[in-house]
Structures are given as structure tokens and as C-alpha cells.
N, C-alpha and C. Protein backbone atom coordinates (compact mmCIF):
# COMPACT_ATOMS: atom_id res chain seq x y z
N MET A 1 -9.26 51.04 1.15
CA MET A 1 -9.20 51.18 -0.06
C MET A 1 -11.14 50.70 -0.30
N LYS A 2 -11.63 51.82 -1.05
CA LYS A 2 -13.00 51.04 -1.56
C LYS A 2 -12.86 50.25 -2.78
N LEU A 3 -14.03 49.27 -2.62
CA LEU A 3 -14.00 48.79 -4.18
C LEU A 3 -14.33 49.09 -5.10
N PHE A 4 -15.01 50.05 -5.23
CA PHE A 4 -15.15 50.96 -6.67
C PHE A 4 -13.97 51.09 -7.06
N ASP A 5 -13.05 51.77 -6.15
CA ASP A 5 -11.68 52.39 -6.53
C ASP A 5 -10.81 51.13 -7.32
N VAL A 6 -10.80 50.00 -6.40
CA VAL A 6 -9.96 48.99 -6.77
C VAL A 6 -10.57 48.30 -7.77
N PHE A 7 -11.76 48.12 -8.08
CA PHE A 7 -12.20 47.34 -9.17
C PHE A 7 -11.89 47.28 -10.84
N PRO A 8 -11.57 48.09 -11.40
CA PRO A 8 -11.05 48.68 -12.56
C PRO A 8 -9.68 48.15 -12.40
N LEU A 9 -8.57 48.08 -11.69
CA LEU A 9 -7.24 48.09 -11.76
C LEU A 9 -7.52 46.17 -11.81
N VAL A 10 -8.26 45.62 -10.56
CA VAL A 10 -8.22 44.16 -10.34
C VAL A 10 -8.73 43.72 -11.72
N SER A 11 -9.80 44.44 -12.54
CA SER A 11 -10.22 43.51 -13.44
C SER A 11 -9.37 43.74 -14.58
N PHE A 12 -8.79 44.77 -14.60
CA PHE A 12 -7.81 44.94 -16.16
C PHE A 12 -6.62 43.71 -15.67
N LEU A 13 -6.21 43.59 -14.33
CA LEU A 13 -5.00 42.53 -14.39
C LEU A 13 -5.68 41.19 -14.67
N ILE A 14 -7.29 40.65 -14.25
CA ILE A 14 -7.73 39.46 -14.56
C ILE A 14 -7.79 39.45 -16.02
N LEU A 15 -7.89 40.42 -16.85
CA LEU A 15 -7.99 40.59 -18.26
C LEU A 15 -6.84 39.89 -19.00
N LEU A 16 -5.72 40.93 -18.22
CA LEU A 16 -4.18 40.51 -18.73
C LEU A 16 -3.99 39.08 -18.33
N LEU A 17 -4.30 38.49 -17.29
CA LEU A 17 -3.84 37.13 -17.06
C LEU A 17 -4.76 36.48 -17.83
N MET A 18 -5.89 36.34 -18.22
CA MET A 18 -6.66 35.39 -18.85
C MET A 18 -6.23 35.32 -20.47
N ILE A 19 -5.69 36.84 -21.01
CA ILE A 19 -5.14 36.64 -22.37
C ILE A 19 -3.86 36.18 -22.41
N THR A 20 -3.02 36.24 -21.09
CA THR A 20 -1.97 35.95 -21.36
C THR A 20 -2.11 34.08 -20.83
N GLY A 21 -2.78 33.61 -20.25
CA GLY A 21 -3.21 32.17 -20.24
C GLY A 21 -3.13 31.82 -21.52
N ARG A 22 -4.39 32.44 -22.28
CA ARG A 22 -4.75 31.60 -23.50
C ARG A 22 -3.31 31.84 -24.42
N ILE A 23 -2.68 32.79 -24.46
CA ILE A 23 -1.16 32.94 -25.07
C ILE A 23 -0.68 31.80 -24.99
N ILE A 24 -0.21 31.59 -23.63
CA ILE A 24 0.51 30.35 -23.30
C ILE A 24 0.18 28.93 -23.69
N PHE A 25 -1.04 28.66 -23.68
CA PHE A 25 -2.01 27.70 -23.88
C PHE A 25 -1.75 27.54 -25.15
N LEU A 26 -2.10 28.39 -26.17
CA LEU A 26 -1.67 28.54 -27.81
C LEU A 26 -0.26 28.09 -27.66
N LYS A 27 0.46 28.68 -27.54
CA LYS A 27 2.11 28.27 -27.54
C LYS A 27 2.18 27.15 -27.66
N LYS A 28 1.60 26.13 -26.24
CA LYS A 28 2.08 24.98 -26.16
C LYS A 28 1.74 24.23 -27.48
N LYS A 29 0.23 24.57 -27.73
CA LYS A 29 -0.54 23.86 -28.72
C LYS A 29 0.20 24.02 -30.20
N ASN A 30 1.47 24.85 -30.06
CA ASN A 30 2.18 24.92 -31.44
C ASN A 30 1.61 25.90 -32.49
N VAL A 31 0.40 26.66 -32.30
CA VAL A 31 -0.31 27.75 -32.74
C VAL A 31 0.59 28.99 -32.68
N PRO A 32 0.34 29.44 -34.24
CA PRO A 32 0.89 30.68 -34.34
C PRO A 32 0.61 31.83 -33.63
N ILE A 33 1.27 32.67 -32.78
CA ILE A 33 0.45 33.66 -32.12
C ILE A 33 0.57 35.10 -32.83
N SER A 34 1.61 35.26 -33.26
CA SER A 34 1.50 36.67 -34.17
C SER A 34 1.99 36.34 -35.29
N SER A 35 1.68 37.66 -35.93
CA SER A 35 2.07 37.35 -37.67
C SER A 35 3.37 37.50 -37.95
N LYS A 36 3.48 36.99 -38.90
CA LYS A 36 5.16 36.39 -39.82
C LYS A 36 5.08 37.90 -40.84
N SER A 37 4.23 38.58 -40.93
CA SER A 37 4.49 39.65 -42.05
C SER A 37 5.05 40.64 -41.39
N LYS A 38 6.03 41.46 -42.22
CA LYS A 38 6.82 42.51 -42.25
C LYS A 38 6.27 43.92 -41.54
N LYS A 39 6.86 43.98 -40.38
CA LYS A 39 6.32 45.45 -39.83
C LYS A 39 6.69 46.65 -40.83
N SER A 40 6.07 47.22 -41.11
CA SER A 40 6.61 48.85 -41.93
C SER A 40 7.09 49.67 -40.87
N VAL A 41 7.76 50.77 -41.19
CA VAL A 41 8.54 51.49 -40.57
C VAL A 41 7.86 52.27 -39.53
N PHE A 42 6.55 52.84 -40.35
CA PHE A 42 5.74 53.60 -39.15
C PHE A 42 5.01 52.91 -38.19
N VAL A 43 5.08 51.63 -38.24
CA VAL A 43 4.21 50.74 -37.17
C VAL A 43 5.55 50.62 -36.23
N ARG A 44 6.70 50.39 -36.29
CA ARG A 44 7.73 50.10 -36.08
C ARG A 44 7.90 51.45 -34.82
N PHE A 45 8.08 52.17 -35.32
CA PHE A 45 8.39 53.87 -34.70
C PHE A 45 7.66 54.71 -34.53
N PHE A 46 6.35 54.30 -34.99
CA PHE A 46 5.48 55.50 -34.28
C PHE A 46 4.33 54.27 -33.66
N LEU A 47 3.82 53.81 -34.16
CA LEU A 47 2.63 52.94 -33.38
C LEU A 47 3.04 52.29 -32.29
N TYR A 48 3.90 51.48 -32.23
CA TYR A 48 4.51 50.85 -30.96
C TYR A 48 5.07 52.04 -30.00
N PRO A 49 5.70 52.58 -30.11
CA PRO A 49 6.02 53.65 -29.13
C PRO A 49 4.88 54.34 -28.79
N PHE A 50 3.60 54.95 -29.34
CA PHE A 50 2.63 55.46 -29.37
C PHE A 50 1.63 54.66 -28.32
N PHE A 51 1.54 53.44 -28.88
CA PHE A 51 0.75 52.49 -27.74
C PHE A 51 1.75 52.25 -26.50
N LEU A 52 2.84 52.10 -26.53
CA LEU A 52 3.60 52.08 -25.04
C LEU A 52 3.05 53.04 -24.35
N LEU A 53 3.06 53.85 -25.03
CA LEU A 53 3.10 55.53 -23.87
C LEU A 53 1.54 55.48 -23.48
N VAL A 54 0.39 55.24 -24.01
CA VAL A 54 -0.63 55.28 -23.91
C VAL A 54 -1.18 54.05 -22.75
N PHE A 55 -0.20 52.90 -22.92
CA PHE A 55 -0.55 51.75 -22.27
C PHE A 55 0.06 52.29 -20.75
N HIS A 56 1.17 52.76 -20.61
CA HIS A 56 1.55 53.28 -19.49
C HIS A 56 0.68 54.11 -18.70
N LEU A 57 0.33 54.91 -19.61
CA LEU A 57 -0.68 56.20 -19.09
C LEU A 57 -1.95 55.59 -18.09
N LEU A 58 -2.27 54.29 -19.17
CA LEU A 58 -3.62 53.94 -18.50
C LEU A 58 -3.33 53.15 -17.37
N ILE A 59 -1.95 52.35 -17.15
CA ILE A 59 -1.78 51.65 -16.06
C ILE A 59 -1.80 52.80 -14.84
N PHE A 60 -0.78 53.75 -15.22
CA PHE A 60 -0.93 54.73 -14.00
C PHE A 60 -2.30 55.14 -13.33
N GLU A 61 -2.91 55.71 -14.63
CA GLU A 61 -4.23 56.16 -14.04
C GLU A 61 -5.39 55.07 -13.62
N LEU A 62 -5.30 53.78 -13.67
CA LEU A 62 -6.11 52.72 -13.16
C LEU A 62 -4.98 52.51 -11.49
N ASN A 63 -3.79 52.78 -11.28
CA ASN A 63 -3.30 52.36 -10.26
C ASN A 63 -3.60 54.03 -9.53
N LYS A 64 -4.13 54.77 -9.71
CA LYS A 64 -4.17 56.30 -9.11
C LYS A 64 -4.98 56.14 -7.91
N PRO A 65 -6.45 55.83 -8.55
CA PRO A 65 -7.37 55.56 -7.48
C PRO A 65 -7.12 54.72 -6.38
N ALA A 66 -6.92 53.25 -6.65
CA ALA A 66 -6.79 52.44 -5.97
C ALA A 66 -5.84 52.54 -4.80
N PHE A 67 -4.40 53.21 -5.14
CA PHE A 67 -3.70 53.71 -4.18
C PHE A 67 -3.39 54.91 -3.31
N GLN A 68 -4.71 55.75 -3.94
CA GLN A 68 -4.66 57.05 -3.49
C GLN A 68 -3.22 57.94 -3.93
N ILE A 69 -3.16 57.88 -5.08
CA ILE A 69 -2.16 58.61 -5.79
C ILE A 69 -2.56 60.11 -5.90
N SER A 70 -2.12 61.07 -5.55
CA SER A 70 -2.72 62.58 -5.45
C SER A 70 -2.33 63.20 -6.89
N PHE A 71 -0.89 62.64 -7.29
CA PHE A 71 -0.74 63.79 -8.54
C PHE A 71 -1.01 62.77 -10.11
N SER A 72 -1.24 63.43 -11.09
CA SER A 72 -1.24 62.95 -12.17
C SER A 72 -0.43 63.48 -13.36
N VAL A 73 0.01 62.50 -13.98
CA VAL A 73 0.83 62.93 -15.30
C VAL A 73 -0.03 63.44 -16.58
N LEU A 74 -1.25 63.27 -16.54
CA LEU A 74 -2.25 63.93 -17.57
C LEU A 74 -2.77 65.37 -16.79
N PRO A 75 -3.31 66.10 -17.90
CA PRO A 75 -3.89 67.48 -17.50
C PRO A 75 -5.24 67.30 -16.84
N ALA A 76 -5.40 68.20 -15.92
CA ALA A 76 -6.34 68.28 -14.92
C ALA A 76 -7.96 68.13 -15.59
N LEU A 77 -8.12 68.74 -17.12
CA LEU A 77 -9.15 68.39 -17.46
C LEU A 77 -9.51 66.92 -18.37
N ILE A 78 -8.13 66.45 -18.50
CA ILE A 78 -8.49 65.04 -18.51
C ILE A 78 -8.80 63.90 -17.52
N SER A 79 -8.55 64.16 -16.47
CA SER A 79 -7.94 63.20 -15.35
C SER A 79 -9.00 63.62 -14.51
N GLU A 80 -10.19 64.69 -14.80
CA GLU A 80 -11.11 64.94 -13.73
C GLU A 80 -12.08 63.99 -13.99
N SER A 81 -12.68 63.42 -12.63
CA SER A 81 -13.92 62.91 -12.97
C SER A 81 -14.83 63.70 -13.30
N LEU A 82 -16.01 63.04 -14.31
CA LEU A 82 -17.39 64.00 -14.57
C LEU A 82 -18.24 63.74 -13.75
N PHE A 83 -18.46 62.86 -13.41
CA PHE A 83 -19.71 62.16 -11.99
C PHE A 83 -19.34 61.60 -11.20
N ASP A 84 -19.30 62.28 -9.90
CA ASP A 84 -18.81 61.27 -8.78
C ASP A 84 -19.95 60.52 -8.33
N SER A 85 -20.99 59.76 -8.73
CA SER A 85 -22.24 59.37 -8.20
C SER A 85 -21.72 57.66 -8.06
N ILE A 86 -22.22 57.35 -7.03
CA ILE A 86 -22.37 55.94 -6.47
C ILE A 86 -23.21 55.13 -7.70
N PHE A 87 -24.25 55.84 -8.16
CA PHE A 87 -25.16 54.72 -9.51
C PHE A 87 -23.99 54.66 -10.50
N LEU A 88 -23.18 55.66 -10.49
CA LEU A 88 -22.15 55.40 -11.89
C LEU A 88 -20.77 54.41 -11.52
N LYS A 89 -20.30 53.97 -10.52
CA LYS A 89 -19.61 53.55 -10.01
C LYS A 89 -20.03 51.97 -9.87
N ILE A 90 -21.28 51.83 -9.31
CA ILE A 90 -21.68 50.30 -9.20
C ILE A 90 -21.85 49.74 -10.72
N SER A 91 -23.06 50.80 -11.35
CA SER A 91 -22.90 50.14 -13.10
C SER A 91 -21.98 50.24 -13.77
N GLY A 92 -20.77 50.89 -13.88
CA GLY A 92 -19.43 50.77 -14.44
C GLY A 92 -18.75 49.27 -13.86
N THR A 93 -19.03 49.04 -12.52
CA THR A 93 -18.62 47.91 -11.92
C THR A 93 -19.28 46.63 -12.49
N VAL A 94 -20.54 47.01 -12.40
CA VAL A 94 -21.47 45.91 -13.18
C VAL A 94 -21.18 45.04 -14.71
N LEU A 95 -20.84 46.69 -15.30
CA LEU A 95 -20.31 46.49 -16.99
C LEU A 95 -19.03 45.72 -16.94
N ILE A 96 -17.98 46.09 -16.37
CA ILE A 96 -16.55 45.46 -16.49
C ILE A 96 -16.66 44.13 -15.99
N ALA A 97 -17.45 43.48 -14.98
CA ALA A 97 -17.96 42.12 -14.68
C ALA A 97 -18.56 41.38 -15.76
N ILE A 98 -19.58 41.96 -16.22
CA ILE A 98 -20.08 41.20 -17.63
C ILE A 98 -19.32 41.11 -18.52
N SER A 99 -18.30 42.26 -18.65
CA SER A 99 -17.57 42.11 -20.08
C SER A 99 -16.12 41.24 -20.06
N LEU A 100 -15.91 41.11 -18.32
CA LEU A 100 -14.85 39.85 -18.32
C LEU A 100 -15.62 38.69 -18.34
N GLY A 101 -16.95 38.25 -17.94
CA GLY A 101 -17.46 37.15 -18.44
C GLY A 101 -17.82 36.90 -19.62
N PHE A 102 -17.93 37.62 -20.37
CA PHE A 102 -18.19 37.20 -21.81
C PHE A 102 -16.45 37.14 -22.76
N MET A 103 -15.34 38.03 -21.95
CA MET A 103 -13.98 37.83 -22.73
C MET A 103 -13.61 36.35 -22.23
N GLY A 104 -14.29 35.69 -20.56
CA GLY A 104 -13.82 34.45 -20.35
C GLY A 104 -14.21 33.60 -21.60
N PHE A 105 -16.17 33.78 -21.91
CA PHE A 105 -16.67 32.90 -22.46
C PHE A 105 -15.93 32.95 -23.90
N THR A 106 -15.37 33.96 -24.53
CA THR A 106 -15.02 34.06 -25.99
C THR A 106 -13.77 33.31 -25.98
N LEU A 107 -12.41 33.48 -24.70
CA LEU A 107 -11.48 32.87 -25.06
C LEU A 107 -11.59 31.20 -24.69
N ASP A 108 -12.52 30.79 -23.96
CA ASP A 108 -12.86 29.35 -23.57
C ASP A 108 -13.23 28.61 -25.02
N GLN A 109 -14.49 29.43 -25.90
CA GLN A 109 -14.81 29.05 -26.98
C GLN A 109 -13.77 28.77 -27.92
N PHE A 110 -12.77 29.72 -28.16
CA PHE A 110 -11.75 30.04 -29.02
C PHE A 110 -10.80 28.57 -29.22
N ASN A 111 -10.90 28.20 -27.85
CA ASN A 111 -9.97 26.88 -27.67
C ASN A 111 -10.91 25.91 -28.74
N TYR A 112 -11.98 25.66 -28.77
CA TYR A 112 -12.83 24.80 -29.36
C TYR A 112 -12.43 24.92 -31.03
N ARG A 113 -12.41 26.34 -31.57
CA ARG A 113 -12.37 26.67 -33.08
C ARG A 113 -10.94 26.52 -33.44
N VAL A 114 -9.85 26.76 -32.37
CA VAL A 114 -8.77 26.34 -33.14
C VAL A 114 -8.24 24.87 -32.74
N GLY A 115 -8.80 24.40 -31.71
CA GLY A 115 -8.57 22.64 -31.38
C GLY A 115 -7.99 22.90 -30.29
N GLY A 116 -8.26 21.73 -29.80
CA GLY A 116 -8.01 21.33 -28.60
C GLY A 116 -7.94 19.74 -28.20
N ILE A 117 -7.59 19.12 -26.86
CA ILE A 117 -7.79 17.69 -26.73
C ILE A 117 -9.07 17.39 -26.82
N LYS A 118 -10.17 18.30 -26.21
CA LYS A 118 -11.55 17.78 -25.96
C LYS A 118 -12.04 17.77 -27.57
N SER A 119 -11.73 18.73 -28.44
CA SER A 119 -12.19 18.76 -29.55
C SER A 119 -11.88 17.36 -30.69
N PHE A 120 -10.73 17.19 -30.23
CA PHE A 120 -10.07 15.93 -31.01
C PHE A 120 -10.78 14.79 -30.78
N LEU A 121 -10.97 14.56 -29.23
CA LEU A 121 -11.50 13.57 -28.97
C LEU A 121 -13.02 13.27 -29.23
N LEU A 122 -13.44 14.37 -29.21
CA LEU A 122 -14.90 14.25 -29.59
C LEU A 122 -15.12 14.00 -31.38
N SER A 123 -13.92 14.48 -32.26
CA SER A 123 -14.54 14.09 -33.22
C SER A 123 -13.86 12.71 -33.88
N PHE A 124 -13.17 12.31 -32.86
CA PHE A 124 -12.63 10.87 -32.86
C PHE A 124 -13.57 9.70 -32.32
N ILE A 125 -14.47 10.26 -31.40
CA ILE A 125 -15.72 9.87 -30.87
C ILE A 125 -17.07 9.45 -31.90
N HIS A 126 -16.93 10.83 -32.64
CA HIS A 126 -18.16 10.69 -33.63
C HIS A 126 -17.85 10.25 -34.68
N GLY A 127 -16.46 10.01 -35.45
CA GLY A 127 -15.88 9.59 -36.14
C GLY A 127 -16.29 10.33 -37.74
N ASN A 128 -15.83 11.35 -37.71
CA ASN A 128 -16.74 12.18 -38.65
C ASN A 128 -14.98 12.19 -39.71
N GLY A 129 -13.86 11.50 -39.23
CA GLY A 129 -12.80 11.50 -39.99
C GLY A 129 -11.54 12.66 -39.95
N ASN A 130 -11.72 13.54 -39.10
CA ASN A 130 -11.35 14.31 -38.74
C ASN A 130 -10.25 14.27 -37.53
N THR A 131 -9.48 13.33 -37.53
CA THR A 131 -8.55 12.80 -36.46
C THR A 131 -7.07 13.09 -36.62
N THR A 132 -6.73 14.01 -37.31
CA THR A 132 -5.26 13.91 -37.72
C THR A 132 -4.53 14.28 -36.59
N THR A 133 -4.74 15.94 -36.47
CA THR A 133 -4.37 16.16 -35.19
C THR A 133 -4.84 17.09 -34.60
N PRO A 134 -4.58 17.57 -33.24
CA PRO A 134 -6.01 18.24 -32.34
C PRO A 134 -6.08 19.72 -32.66
N LEU A 135 -4.80 20.20 -33.46
CA LEU A 135 -4.79 21.64 -33.92
C LEU A 135 -5.81 21.73 -35.61
N THR A 136 -6.06 20.52 -36.23
CA THR A 136 -7.12 20.82 -37.47
C THR A 136 -8.60 19.98 -36.85
N ALA A 137 -8.54 19.69 -35.33
CA ALA A 137 -9.99 19.12 -35.23
C ALA A 137 -10.84 20.42 -34.78
N ARG A 138 -12.18 19.96 -35.14
CA ARG A 138 -13.50 20.96 -34.76
C ARG A 138 -14.24 20.49 -33.69
N ARG A 139 -15.04 21.37 -33.14
CA ARG A 139 -15.82 21.26 -31.95
C ARG A 139 -16.87 20.42 -33.25
N VAL A 140 -17.65 18.98 -32.29
CA VAL A 140 -18.33 18.22 -32.57
C VAL A 140 -19.61 18.38 -31.77
N ILE A 141 -20.59 19.00 -31.81
CA ILE A 141 -21.96 19.02 -31.03
C ILE A 141 -23.20 19.84 -31.76
């Protein structure tokens, strides 16, 4: 397997692990993750199934070059690569790596905005009066 063929799948899995880890962390802190609003019929019966279909197609298309799968469920016009250049593969790999780094940084900073034990301790040490719970503490620096 070539690195440039496997890298999009691996980076997608890393992204899923980062988001899932943050969701689990926030659930342990009793932070509501999903909206409490009632979903409309359009959202439940059209958007969710459409999203699941597109998500499964994305997963299949990411697995196709990584595992050298020869057939495609999408039409040839959509699934053909436009350019087969090594420069585009390298630049795509660099952009994906940079975006994963930014996503990790954003998820790390989100912890301080919502609140965590570190921000709670910092607010307690600096004595700004916001020492009720870790969920209401803000980052102090």
C-alpha cells in the first residue's frame, strides 16, 4: 500500500477518534452534547437517511484506494480522479495533516472554554470568585 492512498482513510479515522474522545470527555463532565429541541419530520425522515447514505459512500470511497478495491458504487464520472499527480497527493497530505492539527488544537481549546479541572483550579488560584463548578469556570490567563 502507498502512503498517499492510505493517508486519507487514516486521517479520517483519527478525526473520528478525536471527536469521539471529546464527546466522551464532555459527557463525563455532564455537558449536554445534543440538542433538546424536537426534530421535524423533514429532518428525521429525509436529512438523517441522506446523511447516512452520503457517509457510507464516503467511507467506501476512502477505503477503495487503501485496500485496492476495483469496483465503485458511484458513477465513473464522479469517482475518477481528475489528476494523478504526485504533487497533488503530497499537497493534499500536507493540508490534511495541518487541518488535523488545527482540529486537535480547537478541541483542546474547547475544553478550556466549556470548563475543566485545569480552568477550575486556575480560577481558584487567581481568586476571581468563579469557583462554583468546573463547568462554569473560565480559563484565566
